[in-house]
mmCIF file of all heavy atoms, coordinates in Angstrom:
data_MODEL
# 
_entry.id   MODEL 
# 
loop_
_atom_site.group_PDB 
_atom_site.id 
_atom_site.type_symbol 
_atom_site.label_atom_id 
_atom_site.label_alt_id 
_atom_site.label_comp_id 
_atom_site.label_asym_id 
_atom_site.label_entity_id 
_atom_site.label_seq_id 
_atom_site.pdbx_PDB_ins_code 
_atom_site.Cartn_x 
_atom_site.Cartn_y 
_atom_site.Cartn_z 
_atom_site.occupancy 
_atom_site.B_iso_or_equiv 
_atom_site.pdbx_formal_charge 
_atom_site.auth_seq_id 
_atom_site.auth_comp_id 
_atom_site.auth_asym_id 
_atom_site.auth_atom_id 
_atom_site.pdbx_PDB_model_num 
ATOM 1   N N   . PHE A 1 1  ? -29.508 -27.617 -6.294  1.00 0.00 ? 1  PHE A N   1 
ATOM 2   C CA  . PHE A 1 1  ? -29.887 -28.369 -7.497  1.00 0.00 ? 1  PHE A CA  1 
ATOM 3   C C   . PHE A 1 1  ? -31.334 -28.056 -7.875  1.00 0.00 ? 1  PHE A C   1 
ATOM 4   O O   . PHE A 1 1  ? -31.651 -27.829 -9.043  1.00 0.00 ? 1  PHE A O   1 
ATOM 5   C CB  . PHE A 1 1  ? -29.746 -29.876 -7.247  1.00 0.00 ? 1  PHE A CB  1 
ATOM 6   C CG  . PHE A 1 1  ? -28.351 -30.397 -7.396  1.00 0.00 ? 1  PHE A CG  1 
ATOM 7   C CD1 . PHE A 1 1  ? -27.904 -31.448 -6.601  1.00 0.00 ? 1  PHE A CD1 1 
ATOM 8   C CD2 . PHE A 1 1  ? -27.478 -29.867 -8.339  1.00 0.00 ? 1  PHE A CD2 1 
ATOM 9   C CE1 . PHE A 1 1  ? -26.617 -31.951 -6.732  1.00 0.00 ? 1  PHE A CE1 1 
ATOM 10  C CE2 . PHE A 1 1  ? -26.181 -30.358 -8.469  1.00 0.00 ? 1  PHE A CE2 1 
ATOM 11  C CZ  . PHE A 1 1  ? -25.757 -31.400 -7.667  1.00 0.00 ? 1  PHE A CZ  1 
ATOM 12  N N   . SER A 1 2  ? -32.233 -28.050 -6.893  1.00 0.00 ? 2  SER A N   1 
ATOM 13  C CA  . SER A 1 2  ? -33.655 -27.861 -7.181  1.00 0.00 ? 2  SER A CA  1 
ATOM 14  C C   . SER A 1 2  ? -33.953 -26.457 -7.687  1.00 0.00 ? 2  SER A C   1 
ATOM 15  O O   . SER A 1 2  ? -34.902 -26.252 -8.435  1.00 0.00 ? 2  SER A O   1 
ATOM 16  C CB  . SER A 1 2  ? -34.493 -28.147 -5.935  1.00 0.00 ? 2  SER A CB  1 
ATOM 17  O OG  . SER A 1 2  ? -34.322 -27.138 -4.955  1.00 0.00 ? 2  SER A OG  1 
ATOM 18  N N   . ARG A 1 3  ? -33.152 -25.469 -7.266  1.00 0.00 ? 3  ARG A N   1 
ATOM 19  C CA  . ARG A 1 3  ? -33.357 -24.095 -7.726  1.00 0.00 ? 3  ARG A CA  1 
ATOM 20  C C   . ARG A 1 3  ? -32.850 -23.876 -9.152  1.00 0.00 ? 3  ARG A C   1 
ATOM 21  O O   . ARG A 1 3  ? -33.404 -23.078 -9.902  1.00 0.00 ? 3  ARG A O   1 
ATOM 22  C CB  . ARG A 1 3  ? -32.648 -23.129 -6.781  1.00 0.00 ? 3  ARG A CB  1 
ATOM 23  C CG  . ARG A 1 3  ? -33.301 -22.985 -5.418  1.00 0.00 ? 3  ARG A CG  1 
ATOM 24  C CD  . ARG A 1 3  ? -32.468 -22.090 -4.520  1.00 0.00 ? 3  ARG A CD  1 
ATOM 25  N NE  . ARG A 1 3  ? -33.083 -21.931 -3.200  1.00 0.00 ? 3  ARG A NE  1 
ATOM 26  C CZ  . ARG A 1 3  ? -32.482 -21.345 -2.165  1.00 0.00 ? 3  ARG A CZ  1 
ATOM 27  N NH1 . ARG A 1 3  ? -31.237 -20.878 -2.310  1.00 0.00 ? 3  ARG A NH1 1 
ATOM 28  N NH2 . ARG A 1 3  ? -33.107 -21.239 -1.013  1.00 0.00 ? 3  ARG A NH2 1 
ATOM 29  N N   . ARG A 1 4  ? -31.805 -24.599 -9.498  1.00 0.00 ? 4  ARG A N   1 
ATOM 30  C CA  . ARG A 1 4  ? -31.143 -24.340 -10.769 1.00 0.00 ? 4  ARG A CA  1 
ATOM 31  C C   . ARG A 1 4  ? -31.502 -25.321 -11.883 1.00 0.00 ? 4  ARG A C   1 
ATOM 32  O O   . ARG A 1 4  ? -31.336 -25.008 -13.061 1.00 0.00 ? 4  ARG A O   1 
ATOM 33  C CB  . ARG A 1 4  ? -29.623 -24.372 -10.560 1.00 0.00 ? 4  ARG A CB  1 
ATOM 34  C CG  . ARG A 1 4  ? -29.129 -23.259 -9.661  1.00 0.00 ? 4  ARG A CG  1 
ATOM 35  C CD  . ARG A 1 4  ? -27.634 -23.379 -9.408  1.00 0.00 ? 4  ARG A CD  1 
ATOM 36  N NE  . ARG A 1 4  ? -27.112 -22.216 -8.699  1.00 0.00 ? 4  ARG A NE  1 
ATOM 37  C CZ  . ARG A 1 4  ? -25.847 -22.048 -8.355  1.00 0.00 ? 4  ARG A CZ  1 
ATOM 38  N NH1 . ARG A 1 4  ? -24.967 -23.014 -8.631  1.00 0.00 ? 4  ARG A NH1 1 
ATOM 39  N NH2 . ARG A 1 4  ? -25.449 -20.952 -7.735  1.00 0.00 ? 4  ARG A NH2 1 
ATOM 40  N N   . PHE A 1 5  ? -31.983 -26.506 -11.491 1.00 0.00 ? 5  PHE A N   1 
ATOM 41  C CA  . PHE A 1 5  ? -32.230 -27.549 -12.488 1.00 0.00 ? 5  PHE A CA  1 
ATOM 42  C C   . PHE A 1 5  ? -33.646 -28.084 -12.404 1.00 0.00 ? 5  PHE A C   1 
ATOM 43  O O   . PHE A 1 5  ? -34.305 -27.988 -11.372 1.00 0.00 ? 5  PHE A O   1 
ATOM 44  C CB  . PHE A 1 5  ? -31.232 -28.704 -12.293 1.00 0.00 ? 5  PHE A CB  1 
ATOM 45  C CG  . PHE A 1 5  ? -29.810 -28.327 -12.556 1.00 0.00 ? 5  PHE A CG  1 
ATOM 46  C CD1 . PHE A 1 5  ? -29.008 -27.810 -11.541 1.00 0.00 ? 5  PHE A CD1 1 
ATOM 47  C CD2 . PHE A 1 5  ? -29.261 -28.466 -13.823 1.00 0.00 ? 5  PHE A CD2 1 
ATOM 48  C CE1 . PHE A 1 5  ? -27.695 -27.441 -11.780 1.00 0.00 ? 5  PHE A CE1 1 
ATOM 49  C CE2 . PHE A 1 5  ? -27.946 -28.100 -14.073 1.00 0.00 ? 5  PHE A CE2 1 
ATOM 50  C CZ  . PHE A 1 5  ? -27.162 -27.583 -13.050 1.00 0.00 ? 5  PHE A CZ  1 
ATOM 51  N N   . THR A 1 6  ? -34.096 -28.635 -13.520 1.00 0.00 ? 6  THR A N   1 
ATOM 52  C CA  . THR A 1 6  ? -35.368 -29.341 -13.567 1.00 0.00 ? 6  THR A CA  1 
ATOM 53  C C   . THR A 1 6  ? -35.103 -30.732 -14.119 1.00 0.00 ? 6  THR A C   1 
ATOM 54  O O   . THR A 1 6  ? -33.949 -31.096 -14.344 1.00 0.00 ? 6  THR A O   1 
ATOM 55  C CB  . THR A 1 6  ? -36.387 -28.577 -14.427 1.00 0.00 ? 6  THR A CB  1 
ATOM 56  O OG1 . THR A 1 6  ? -37.669 -29.230 -14.328 1.00 0.00 ? 6  THR A OG1 1 
ATOM 57  C CG2 . THR A 1 6  ? -35.971 -28.540 -15.894 1.00 0.00 ? 6  THR A CG2 1 
ATOM 58  N N   . CYS A 1 7  ? -36.151 -31.508 -14.317 1.00 0.00 ? 7  CYS A N   1 
ATOM 59  C CA  . CYS A 1 7  ? -35.981 -32.901 -14.728 1.00 0.00 ? 7  CYS A CA  1 
ATOM 60  C C   . CYS A 1 7  ? -36.453 -33.145 -16.159 1.00 0.00 ? 7  CYS A C   1 
ATOM 61  O O   . CYS A 1 7  ? -37.516 -32.672 -16.557 1.00 0.00 ? 7  CYS A O   1 
ATOM 62  C CB  . CYS A 1 7  ? -36.745 -33.828 -13.788 1.00 0.00 ? 7  CYS A CB  1 
ATOM 63  S SG  . CYS A 1 7  ? -36.125 -33.817 -12.099 1.00 0.00 ? 7  CYS A SG  1 
ATOM 64  N N   . GLN A 1 8  ? -35.660 -33.877 -16.892 1.00 0.00 ? 8  GLN A N   1 
ATOM 65  C CA  . GLN A 1 8  ? -36.036 -34.364 -18.216 1.00 0.00 ? 8  GLN A CA  1 
ATOM 66  C C   . GLN A 1 8  ? -36.235 -35.865 -18.067 1.00 0.00 ? 8  GLN A C   1 
ATOM 67  O O   . GLN A 1 8  ? -35.280 -36.615 -17.892 1.00 0.00 ? 8  GLN A O   1 
ATOM 68  C CB  . GLN A 1 8  ? -34.921 -34.050 -19.230 1.00 0.00 ? 8  GLN A CB  1 
ATOM 69  C CG  . GLN A 1 8  ? -35.243 -34.437 -20.655 1.00 0.00 ? 8  GLN A CG  1 
ATOM 70  C CD  . GLN A 1 8  ? -34.061 -34.162 -21.567 1.00 0.00 ? 8  GLN A CD  1 
ATOM 71  O OE1 . GLN A 1 8  ? -33.061 -34.871 -21.541 1.00 0.00 ? 8  GLN A OE1 1 
ATOM 72  N NE2 . GLN A 1 8  ? -34.160 -33.116 -22.358 1.00 0.00 ? 8  GLN A NE2 1 
ATOM 73  N N   . CYS A 1 9  ? -37.487 -36.299 -18.108 1.00 0.00 ? 9  CYS A N   1 
ATOM 74  C CA  . CYS A 1 9  ? -37.816 -37.685 -17.779 1.00 0.00 ? 9  CYS A CA  1 
ATOM 75  C C   . CYS A 1 9  ? -37.337 -38.649 -18.857 1.00 0.00 ? 9  CYS A C   1 
ATOM 76  O O   . CYS A 1 9  ? -37.366 -38.341 -20.044 1.00 0.00 ? 9  CYS A O   1 
ATOM 77  C CB  . CYS A 1 9  ? -39.324 -37.846 -17.595 1.00 0.00 ? 9  CYS A CB  1 
ATOM 78  S SG  . CYS A 1 9  ? -40.011 -36.834 -16.267 1.00 0.00 ? 9  CYS A SG  1 
ATOM 79  N N   . TYR A 1 10 ? -36.902 -39.830 -18.414 1.00 0.00 ? 10 TYR A N   1 
ATOM 80  C CA  . TYR A 1 10 ? -36.593 -40.897 -19.343 1.00 0.00 ? 10 TYR A CA  1 
ATOM 81  C C   . TYR A 1 10 ? -37.892 -41.435 -19.920 1.00 0.00 ? 10 TYR A C   1 
ATOM 82  O O   . TYR A 1 10 ? -38.971 -41.277 -19.329 1.00 0.00 ? 10 TYR A O   1 
ATOM 83  C CB  . TYR A 1 10 ? -35.828 -42.017 -18.634 1.00 0.00 ? 10 TYR A CB  1 
ATOM 84  C CG  . TYR A 1 10 ? -34.513 -41.587 -18.028 1.00 0.00 ? 10 TYR A CG  1 
ATOM 85  C CD1 . TYR A 1 10 ? -34.147 -41.999 -16.745 1.00 0.00 ? 10 TYR A CD1 1 
ATOM 86  C CD2 . TYR A 1 10 ? -33.638 -40.765 -18.723 1.00 0.00 ? 10 TYR A CD2 1 
ATOM 87  C CE1 . TYR A 1 10 ? -32.942 -41.598 -16.174 1.00 0.00 ? 10 TYR A CE1 1 
ATOM 88  C CE2 . TYR A 1 10 ? -32.431 -40.361 -18.171 1.00 0.00 ? 10 TYR A CE2 1 
ATOM 89  C CZ  . TYR A 1 10 ? -32.086 -40.774 -16.895 1.00 0.00 ? 10 TYR A CZ  1 
ATOM 90  O OH  . TYR A 1 10 ? -30.901 -40.372 -16.340 1.00 0.00 ? 10 TYR A OH  1 
ATOM 91  N N   . THR A 1 11 ? -37.809 -42.071 -21.068 1.00 0.00 ? 11 THR A N   1 
ATOM 92  C CA  . THR A 1 11 ? -38.990 -42.569 -21.759 1.00 0.00 ? 11 THR A CA  1 
ATOM 93  C C   . THR A 1 11 ? -39.819 -43.479 -20.854 1.00 0.00 ? 11 THR A C   1 
ATOM 94  O O   . THR A 1 11 ? -39.300 -44.423 -20.251 1.00 0.00 ? 11 THR A O   1 
ATOM 95  C CB  . THR A 1 11 ? -38.585 -43.360 -23.019 1.00 0.00 ? 11 THR A CB  1 
ATOM 96  O OG1 . THR A 1 11 ? -37.753 -42.528 -23.831 1.00 0.00 ? 11 THR A OG1 1 
ATOM 97  C CG2 . THR A 1 11 ? -39.803 -43.780 -23.810 1.00 0.00 ? 11 THR A CG2 1 
ATOM 98  N N   . GLY A 1 12 ? -41.103 -43.153 -20.749 1.00 0.00 ? 12 GLY A N   1 
ATOM 99  C CA  . GLY A 1 12 ? -42.019 -43.980 -19.968 1.00 0.00 ? 12 GLY A CA  1 
ATOM 100 C C   . GLY A 1 12 ? -41.902 -43.810 -18.470 1.00 0.00 ? 12 GLY A C   1 
ATOM 101 O O   . GLY A 1 12 ? -42.520 -44.566 -17.709 1.00 0.00 ? 12 GLY A O   1 
ATOM 102 N N   . ARG A 1 13 ? -41.132 -42.835 -18.005 1.00 0.00 ? 13 ARG A N   1 
ATOM 103 C CA  . ARG A 1 13 ? -40.949 -42.622 -16.562 1.00 0.00 ? 13 ARG A CA  1 
ATOM 104 C C   . ARG A 1 13 ? -41.596 -41.302 -16.121 1.00 0.00 ? 13 ARG A C   1 
ATOM 105 O O   . ARG A 1 13 ? -41.802 -40.398 -16.916 1.00 0.00 ? 13 ARG A O   1 
ATOM 106 C CB  . ARG A 1 13 ? -39.457 -42.566 -16.220 1.00 0.00 ? 13 ARG A CB  1 
ATOM 107 C CG  . ARG A 1 13 ? -38.661 -43.785 -16.647 1.00 0.00 ? 13 ARG A CG  1 
ATOM 108 C CD  . ARG A 1 13 ? -38.841 -44.943 -15.697 1.00 0.00 ? 13 ARG A CD  1 
ATOM 109 N NE  . ARG A 1 13 ? -37.935 -46.033 -16.011 1.00 0.00 ? 13 ARG A NE  1 
ATOM 110 C CZ  . ARG A 1 13 ? -36.700 -46.150 -15.524 1.00 0.00 ? 13 ARG A CZ  1 
ATOM 111 N NH1 . ARG A 1 13 ? -36.224 -45.222 -14.718 1.00 0.00 ? 13 ARG A NH1 1 
ATOM 112 N NH2 . ARG A 1 13 ? -35.945 -47.183 -15.849 1.00 0.00 ? 13 ARG A NH2 1 
ATOM 113 N N   . THR A 1 14 ? -41.897 -41.217 -14.830 1.00 0.00 ? 14 THR A N   1 
ATOM 114 C CA  . THR A 1 14 ? -42.401 -39.989 -14.221 1.00 0.00 ? 14 THR A CA  1 
ATOM 115 C C   . THR A 1 14 ? -41.320 -39.453 -13.300 1.00 0.00 ? 14 THR A C   1 
ATOM 116 O O   . THR A 1 14 ? -40.769 -40.197 -12.481 1.00 0.00 ? 14 THR A O   1 
ATOM 117 C CB  . THR A 1 14 ? -43.682 -40.258 -13.413 1.00 0.00 ? 14 THR A CB  1 
ATOM 118 O OG1 . THR A 1 14 ? -44.668 -40.802 -14.288 1.00 0.00 ? 14 THR A OG1 1 
ATOM 119 C CG2 . THR A 1 14 ? -44.212 -38.975 -12.792 1.00 0.00 ? 14 THR A CG2 1 
ATOM 120 N N   . CYS A 1 15 ? -41.016 -38.154 -13.424 1.00 0.00 ? 15 CYS A N   1 
ATOM 121 C CA  . CYS A 1 15 ? -39.897 -37.616 -12.633 1.00 0.00 ? 15 CYS A CA  1 
ATOM 122 C C   . CYS A 1 15 ? -40.108 -36.157 -12.267 1.00 0.00 ? 15 CYS A C   1 
ATOM 123 O O   . CYS A 1 15 ? -39.236 -35.332 -12.461 1.00 0.00 ? 15 CYS A O   1 
ATOM 124 C CB  . CYS A 1 15 ? -38.594 -37.781 -13.414 1.00 0.00 ? 15 CYS A CB  1 
ATOM 125 S SG  . CYS A 1 15 ? -38.527 -36.837 -14.959 1.00 0.00 ? 15 CYS A SG  1 
ATOM 126 N N   . ALA A 1 16 ? -41.276 -35.826 -11.723 1.00 0.00 ? 16 ALA A N   1 
ATOM 127 C CA  . ALA A 1 16 ? -41.545 -34.441 -11.347 1.00 0.00 ? 16 ALA A CA  1 
ATOM 128 C C   . ALA A 1 16 ? -40.509 -33.980 -10.320 1.00 0.00 ? 16 ALA A C   1 
ATOM 129 O O   . ALA A 1 16 ? -40.249 -34.680 -9.336  1.00 0.00 ? 16 ALA A O   1 
ATOM 130 C CB  . ALA A 1 16 ? -42.941 -34.327 -10.761 1.00 0.00 ? 16 ALA A CB  1 
ATOM 131 N N   . PRO A 1 17 ? -39.890 -32.805 -10.541 1.00 0.00 ? 17 PRO A N   1 
ATOM 132 C CA  . PRO A 1 17 ? -38.864 -32.326 -9.598  1.00 0.00 ? 17 PRO A CA  1 
ATOM 133 C C   . PRO A 1 17 ? -39.427 -32.166 -8.189  1.00 0.00 ? 17 PRO A C   1 
ATOM 134 O O   . PRO A 1 17 ? -40.547 -31.687 -8.010  1.00 0.00 ? 17 PRO A O   1 
ATOM 135 C CB  . PRO A 1 17 ? -38.451 -30.965 -10.186 1.00 0.00 ? 17 PRO A CB  1 
ATOM 136 C CG  . PRO A 1 17 ? -38.877 -31.014 -11.608 1.00 0.00 ? 17 PRO A CG  1 
ATOM 137 C CD  . PRO A 1 17 ? -40.095 -31.876 -11.655 1.00 0.00 ? 17 PRO A CD  1 
ATOM 138 N N   . LYS A 1 18 ? -38.661 -32.593 -7.198  1.00 0.00 ? 18 LYS A N   1 
ATOM 139 C CA  . LYS A 1 18 ? -39.084 -32.437 -5.814  1.00 0.00 ? 18 LYS A CA  1 
ATOM 140 C C   . LYS A 1 18 ? -38.801 -31.021 -5.336  1.00 0.00 ? 18 LYS A C   1 
ATOM 141 O O   . LYS A 1 18 ? -37.822 -30.396 -5.735  1.00 0.00 ? 18 LYS A O   1 
ATOM 142 C CB  . LYS A 1 18 ? -38.332 -33.430 -4.919  1.00 0.00 ? 18 LYS A CB  1 
ATOM 143 C CG  . LYS A 1 18 ? -38.701 -34.881 -5.137  1.00 0.00 ? 18 LYS A CG  1 
ATOM 144 C CD  . LYS A 1 18 ? -37.932 -35.758 -4.151  1.00 0.00 ? 18 LYS A CD  1 
ATOM 145 C CE  . LYS A 1 18 ? -38.278 -37.225 -4.324  1.00 0.00 ? 18 LYS A CE  1 
ATOM 146 N NZ  . LYS A 1 18 ? -37.511 -38.073 -3.377  1.00 0.00 ? 18 LYS A NZ  1 
ATOM 147 N N   . LEU A 1 19 ? -39.632 -30.535 -4.424  1.00 0.00 ? 19 LEU A N   1 
ATOM 148 C CA  . LEU A 1 19 ? -39.407 -29.243 -3.807  1.00 0.00 ? 19 LEU A CA  1 
ATOM 149 C C   . LEU A 1 19 ? -38.369 -29.394 -2.697  1.00 0.00 ? 19 LEU A C   1 
ATOM 150 O O   . LEU A 1 19 ? -38.129 -30.499 -2.199  1.00 0.00 ? 19 LEU A O   1 
ATOM 151 C CB  . LEU A 1 19 ? -40.719 -28.702 -3.232  1.00 0.00 ? 19 LEU A CB  1 
ATOM 152 C CG  . LEU A 1 19 ? -41.829 -28.439 -4.261  1.00 0.00 ? 19 LEU A CG  1 
ATOM 153 C CD1 . LEU A 1 19 ? -43.106 -28.015 -3.543  1.00 0.00 ? 19 LEU A CD1 1 
ATOM 154 C CD2 . LEU A 1 19 ? -41.395 -27.374 -5.249  1.00 0.00 ? 19 LEU A CD2 1 
ATOM 155 N N   . PRO A 1 20 ? -37.742 -28.289 -2.285  1.00 0.00 ? 20 PRO A N   1 
ATOM 156 C CA  . PRO A 1 20 ? -36.712 -28.366 -1.239  1.00 0.00 ? 20 PRO A CA  1 
ATOM 157 C C   . PRO A 1 20 ? -37.160 -29.092 0.021   1.00 0.00 ? 20 PRO A C   1 
ATOM 158 O O   . PRO A 1 20 ? -36.398 -29.838 0.622   1.00 0.00 ? 20 PRO A O   1 
ATOM 159 C CB  . PRO A 1 20 ? -36.404 -26.896 -0.951  1.00 0.00 ? 20 PRO A CB  1 
ATOM 160 C CG  . PRO A 1 20 ? -36.681 -26.211 -2.245  1.00 0.00 ? 20 PRO A CG  1 
ATOM 161 C CD  . PRO A 1 20 ? -37.844 -26.943 -2.848  1.00 0.00 ? 20 PRO A CD  1 
ATOM 162 N N   . ILE A 1 21 ? -38.430 -28.902 0.450   1.00 0.00 ? 21 ILE A N   1 
ATOM 163 C CA  . ILE A 1 21 ? -38.894 -29.565 1.668   1.00 0.00 ? 21 ILE A CA  1 
ATOM 164 C C   . ILE A 1 21 ? -38.889 -31.074 1.496   1.00 0.00 ? 21 ILE A C   1 
ATOM 165 O O   . ILE A 1 21 ? -38.585 -31.837 2.407   1.00 0.00 ? 21 ILE A O   1 
ATOM 166 C CB  . ILE A 1 21 ? -40.310 -29.064 2.066   1.00 0.00 ? 21 ILE A CB  1 
ATOM 167 C CG1 . ILE A 1 21 ? -40.699 -29.664 3.418   1.00 0.00 ? 21 ILE A CG1 1 
ATOM 168 C CG2 . ILE A 1 21 ? -41.334 -29.406 0.996   1.00 0.00 ? 21 ILE A CG2 1 
ATOM 169 C CD1 . ILE A 1 21 ? -41.979 -29.075 3.982   1.00 0.00 ? 21 ILE A CD1 1 
ATOM 170 N N   . HIS A 1 22 ? -39.209 -31.549 0.300   1.00 0.00 ? 22 HIS A N   1 
ATOM 171 C CA  . HIS A 1 22 ? -39.187 -32.977 0.017   1.00 0.00 ? 22 HIS A CA  1 
ATOM 172 C C   . HIS A 1 22 ? -37.755 -33.490 -0.056  1.00 0.00 ? 22 HIS A C   1 
ATOM 173 O O   . HIS A 1 22 ? -37.474 -34.622 0.328   1.00 0.00 ? 22 HIS A O   1 
ATOM 174 C CB  . HIS A 1 22 ? -39.927 -33.280 -1.285  1.00 0.00 ? 22 HIS A CB  1 
ATOM 175 C CG  . HIS A 1 22 ? -41.390 -32.942 -1.226  1.00 0.00 ? 22 HIS A CG  1 
ATOM 176 N ND1 . HIS A 1 22 ? -42.053 -32.323 -2.256  1.00 0.00 ? 22 HIS A ND1 1 
ATOM 177 C CD2 . HIS A 1 22 ? -42.298 -33.106 -0.231  1.00 0.00 ? 22 HIS A CD2 1 
ATOM 178 C CE1 . HIS A 1 22 ? -43.315 -32.137 -1.914  1.00 0.00 ? 22 HIS A CE1 1 
ATOM 179 N NE2 . HIS A 1 22 ? -43.483 -32.602 -0.695  1.00 0.00 ? 22 HIS A NE2 1 
ATOM 180 N N   . LEU A 1 23 ? -36.870 -32.663 -0.542  1.00 0.00 ? 23 LEU A N   1 
ATOM 181 C CA  . LEU A 1 23 ? -35.463 -33.045 -0.573  1.00 0.00 ? 23 LEU A CA  1 
ATOM 182 C C   . LEU A 1 23 ? -34.951 -33.244 0.840   1.00 0.00 ? 23 LEU A C   1 
ATOM 183 O O   . LEU A 1 23 ? -34.185 -34.167 1.127   1.00 0.00 ? 23 LEU A O   1 
ATOM 184 C CB  . LEU A 1 23 ? -34.641 -31.972 -1.284  1.00 0.00 ? 23 LEU A CB  1 
ATOM 185 C CG  . LEU A 1 23 ? -34.799 -31.887 -2.809  1.00 0.00 ? 23 LEU A CG  1 
ATOM 186 C CD1 . LEU A 1 23 ? -34.047 -30.671 -3.325  1.00 0.00 ? 23 LEU A CD1 1 
ATOM 187 C CD2 . LEU A 1 23 ? -34.269 -33.139 -3.480  1.00 0.00 ? 23 LEU A CD2 1 
ATOM 188 N N   . SER A 1 24 ? -35.385 -32.381 1.742   1.00 0.00 ? 24 SER A N   1 
ATOM 189 C CA  . SER A 1 24 ? -34.964 -32.494 3.132   1.00 0.00 ? 24 SER A CA  1 
ATOM 190 C C   . SER A 1 24 ? -35.427 -33.817 3.718   1.00 0.00 ? 24 SER A C   1 
ATOM 191 O O   . SER A 1 24 ? -34.677 -34.522 4.385   1.00 0.00 ? 24 SER A O   1 
ATOM 192 C CB  . SER A 1 24 ? -35.534 -31.331 3.944   1.00 0.00 ? 24 SER A CB  1 
ATOM 193 O OG  . SER A 1 24 ? -35.218 -31.476 5.307   1.00 0.00 ? 24 SER A OG  1 
# 
């Protein structure tokens, strides 16, 4: 998921994509 997709944040939210190590 992290390699193929990024995040589109909802209004007023923060949603920086996590790196694989953080996913682990």
